[in-house]
Protein backbone atom coordinates (compact mmCIF):
# COMPACT_ATOMS: atom_id res chain seq x y z
CA UNK A 1 141.49 64.80 97.12
CA UNK A 2 142.75 65.61 100.58
CA UNK A 3 141.77 69.14 101.56
CA UNK A 4 144.12 70.75 104.04
CA UNK A 5 141.92 71.64 107.04
CA UNK A 6 144.34 74.45 107.92
CA UNK A 7 143.60 76.19 104.61
CA UNK A 8 139.85 75.77 105.13
CA UNK A 9 140.33 77.28 108.59
CA UNK A 10 142.13 80.27 107.02
CA UNK A 11 139.16 80.82 104.70
CA UNK A 12 136.68 80.54 107.59
CA UNK A 13 138.75 82.75 109.89
CA UNK A 14 138.94 85.39 107.14
CA UNK A 15 135.15 85.37 107.01
CA UNK A 16 134.43 83.38 103.85
CA UNK A 17 130.96 81.91 103.66
CA UNK A 18 130.51 78.19 103.05
CA UNK A 19 129.42 78.69 99.42
CA UNK A 20 132.72 80.49 98.72
CA UNK A 21 134.66 77.70 100.42
CA UNK A 22 132.77 75.10 98.36
CA UNK A 23 133.59 77.07 95.19
CA UNK A 24 137.28 77.17 96.15
CA UNK A 25 137.26 73.38 96.65
CA UNK A 26 135.62 72.90 93.22
CA UNK A 27 138.22 75.17 91.58
CA UNK A 28 140.95 73.22 93.37
CA UNK A 29 139.58 69.89 92.11
CA UNK A 30 139.52 71.11 88.51
CA UNK A 31 142.94 72.75 88.86
CA UNK A 32 144.38 69.41 89.93
CA UNK A 33 143.00 67.77 86.75
CA UNK A 34 145.22 70.12 84.74
CA UNK A 35 148.13 70.10 87.20
CA UNK A 36 148.59 66.34 87.14
CA UNK A 37 149.53 66.56 83.45
CA UNK A 38 151.49 69.82 83.59
CA UNK A 39 155.06 70.61 84.67
CA UNK A 40 153.95 72.45 87.82
CA UNK A 41 154.24 72.44 91.58
CA UNK A 42 151.03 70.56 92.44
CA UNK A 43 151.07 71.68 96.08
CA UNK A 44 151.31 75.32 94.93
CA UNK A 45 148.36 74.85 92.54
CA UNK A 46 146.33 73.18 95.29
CA UNK A 47 147.06 75.89 97.88
CA UNK A 48 146.54 78.75 95.43
CA UNK A 49 143.27 77.29 94.16
CA UNK A 50 141.93 76.81 97.69
CA UNK A 51 142.84 80.39 98.66
CA UNK A 52 142.05 82.12 95.36
CA UNK A 53 138.79 83.68 96.61
CA UNK A 54 139.79 84.51 100.20
CA UNK A 55 139.24 88.16 99.29
CA UNK A 56 135.51 87.41 98.91
CA UNK A 57 135.46 87.53 102.70
CA UNK A 58 135.61 91.33 102.24
CA UNK A 59 134.06 92.01 98.80
CA UNK A 60 132.59 90.27 95.81
CA UNK A 61 133.82 93.00 93.46
CA UNK A 62 136.81 92.68 91.12
CA UNK A 63 138.90 93.96 94.02
CA UNK A 64 138.63 90.57 95.74
CA UNK A 65 141.75 89.35 93.93
CA UNK A 66 144.00 92.15 95.14
CA UNK A 67 142.36 92.20 98.59
CA UNK A 68 142.77 88.45 98.88
CA UNK A 69 146.45 88.69 97.98
CA UNK A 70 146.90 91.34 100.68
CA UNK A 71 145.13 89.09 103.22
CA UNK A 72 147.47 86.26 102.28
CA UNK A 73 150.54 88.50 102.54
CA UNK A 74 149.40 89.68 105.98
CA UNK A 75 149.13 86.02 107.01
CA UNK A 76 152.71 85.37 105.86
CA UNK A 77 151.66 83.09 103.02
CA UNK A 78 154.41 82.62 100.39
CA UNK A 79 154.42 85.18 97.59
CA UNK A 80 153.91 82.59 94.85
CA UNK A 81 150.54 81.71 96.44
CA UNK A 82 149.68 85.41 96.86
CA UNK A 83 150.31 85.96 93.15
CA UNK A 84 147.87 83.17 92.24
CA UNK A 85 145.23 84.91 94.36
CA UNK A 86 146.06 88.34 92.92
CA UNK A 87 146.11 87.23 89.28
CA UNK A 88 143.15 84.83 89.05
CA UNK A 89 140.45 87.29 87.87
CA UNK A 90 139.23 86.13 84.43
CA UNK A 91 142.44 85.78 82.46
CA UNK A 92 144.03 88.57 84.45
CA UNK A 93 143.92 92.33 84.27
CA UNK A 94 146.60 94.68 83.00
CA UNK A 95 147.76 97.53 85.23
CA UNK A 96 145.77 99.89 83.03
CA UNK A 97 142.61 97.77 83.33
CA UNK A 98 143.08 97.61 87.09
CA UNK A 99 143.39 101.41 87.29
CA UNK A 100 140.30 101.84 85.10
CA UNK A 101 138.35 99.65 87.54
CA UNK A 102 139.56 101.65 90.55
CA UNK A 103 141.99 98.96 91.70
CA UNK A 104 145.68 99.27 92.49
CA UNK A 105 147.42 99.89 89.19
CA UNK A 106 149.47 96.70 89.13
CA UNK A 107 149.88 93.97 86.53
CA UNK A 108 147.50 91.16 87.45
CA UNK A 109 148.01 88.99 84.37
CA UNK A 110 148.83 85.38 85.34
CA UNK A 111 152.45 84.58 84.46
CA UNK A 112 153.36 81.18 85.90
CA UNK A 113 151.68 78.00 84.73
CA UNK A 114 150.33 77.52 88.26
CA UNK A 115 148.70 80.97 88.12
CA UNK A 116 147.24 80.24 84.68
CA UNK A 117 145.81 76.87 85.72
CA UNK A 118 143.96 78.37 88.69
CA UNK A 119 142.65 81.33 86.65
CA UNK A 120 141.39 79.04 83.89
CA UNK A 121 139.84 76.60 86.35
CA UNK A 122 138.06 79.46 88.10
CA UNK A 123 136.67 80.57 84.73
CA UNK A 124 135.16 77.10 84.28
CA UNK A 125 133.57 76.78 87.72
CA UNK A 126 130.30 78.59 88.41
CA UNK A 127 129.40 77.97 92.02
CA UNK A 128 130.57 74.38 92.33
CA UNK A 129 129.66 73.19 88.83
CA UNK A 130 131.92 73.04 85.80
CA UNK A 131 130.70 75.06 82.81
CA UNK A 132 131.97 75.23 79.25
CA UNK A 133 134.15 77.99 77.90
CA UNK A 134 131.23 78.93 75.64
CA UNK A 135 128.98 79.47 78.66
CA UNK A 136 131.72 81.44 80.45
CA UNK A 137 132.01 83.74 77.44
CA UNK A 138 128.22 84.16 77.30
CA UNK A 139 128.22 85.09 80.99
CA UNK A 140 131.03 87.55 80.22
CA UNK A 141 129.28 89.16 77.25
CA UNK A 142 129.66 92.67 78.69
CA UNK A 143 133.45 92.41 78.93
CA UNK A 144 135.61 94.19 76.35
CA UNK A 145 136.67 92.05 73.39
CA UNK A 146 140.34 92.03 74.36
CA UNK A 147 139.52 90.53 77.77
CA UNK A 148 137.33 87.83 76.20
CA UNK A 149 140.15 87.07 73.75
CA UNK A 150 142.54 86.72 76.70
CA UNK A 151 140.14 84.22 78.33
CA UNK A 152 140.07 82.17 75.10
CA UNK A 153 143.87 82.24 74.75
CA UNK A 154 144.26 81.16 78.36
CA UNK A 155 141.86 78.26 77.75
CA UNK A 156 143.80 77.19 74.65
CA UNK A 157 147.04 77.22 76.64
CA UNK A 158 145.71 75.24 79.62
CA UNK A 159 143.26 72.79 78.05
CA UNK A 160 146.14 70.82 76.54
CA UNK A 161 146.82 69.50 80.05
CA UNK A 162 143.34 68.02 80.53
């Protein structure tokens, strides 16, 4: 897969470490596996996947999604890419869940198929290695049941494109 060096430069200029950049590339590669069989904008999936963790240049907390979207907006990146970045955490967070976590109280549930593909792919990549949904759920054992159910439903929706 051709990686756009300009997007890698954006990640580096934002302050992302190489391990984060490598993770973004791995998520992009997996996202493209789904995207090639789905009715989506492949360039949007690719760009969103590469930028999904740009917020990790500032924090590794849950806030990295919203912070990353703000970084992208400040850079003039199209809103559909910003929404992928903002909505990629797990299978998304409701406005209420965001508020409970001390984040901006906005709906961060992935809506578009492009957003869902990147969120699901991110769930299946730990570091740069693909893991199973079962392992992801084991790693997420402390999450509330409704969030784990959302992760499973997202997987069921996206895995049909593999």
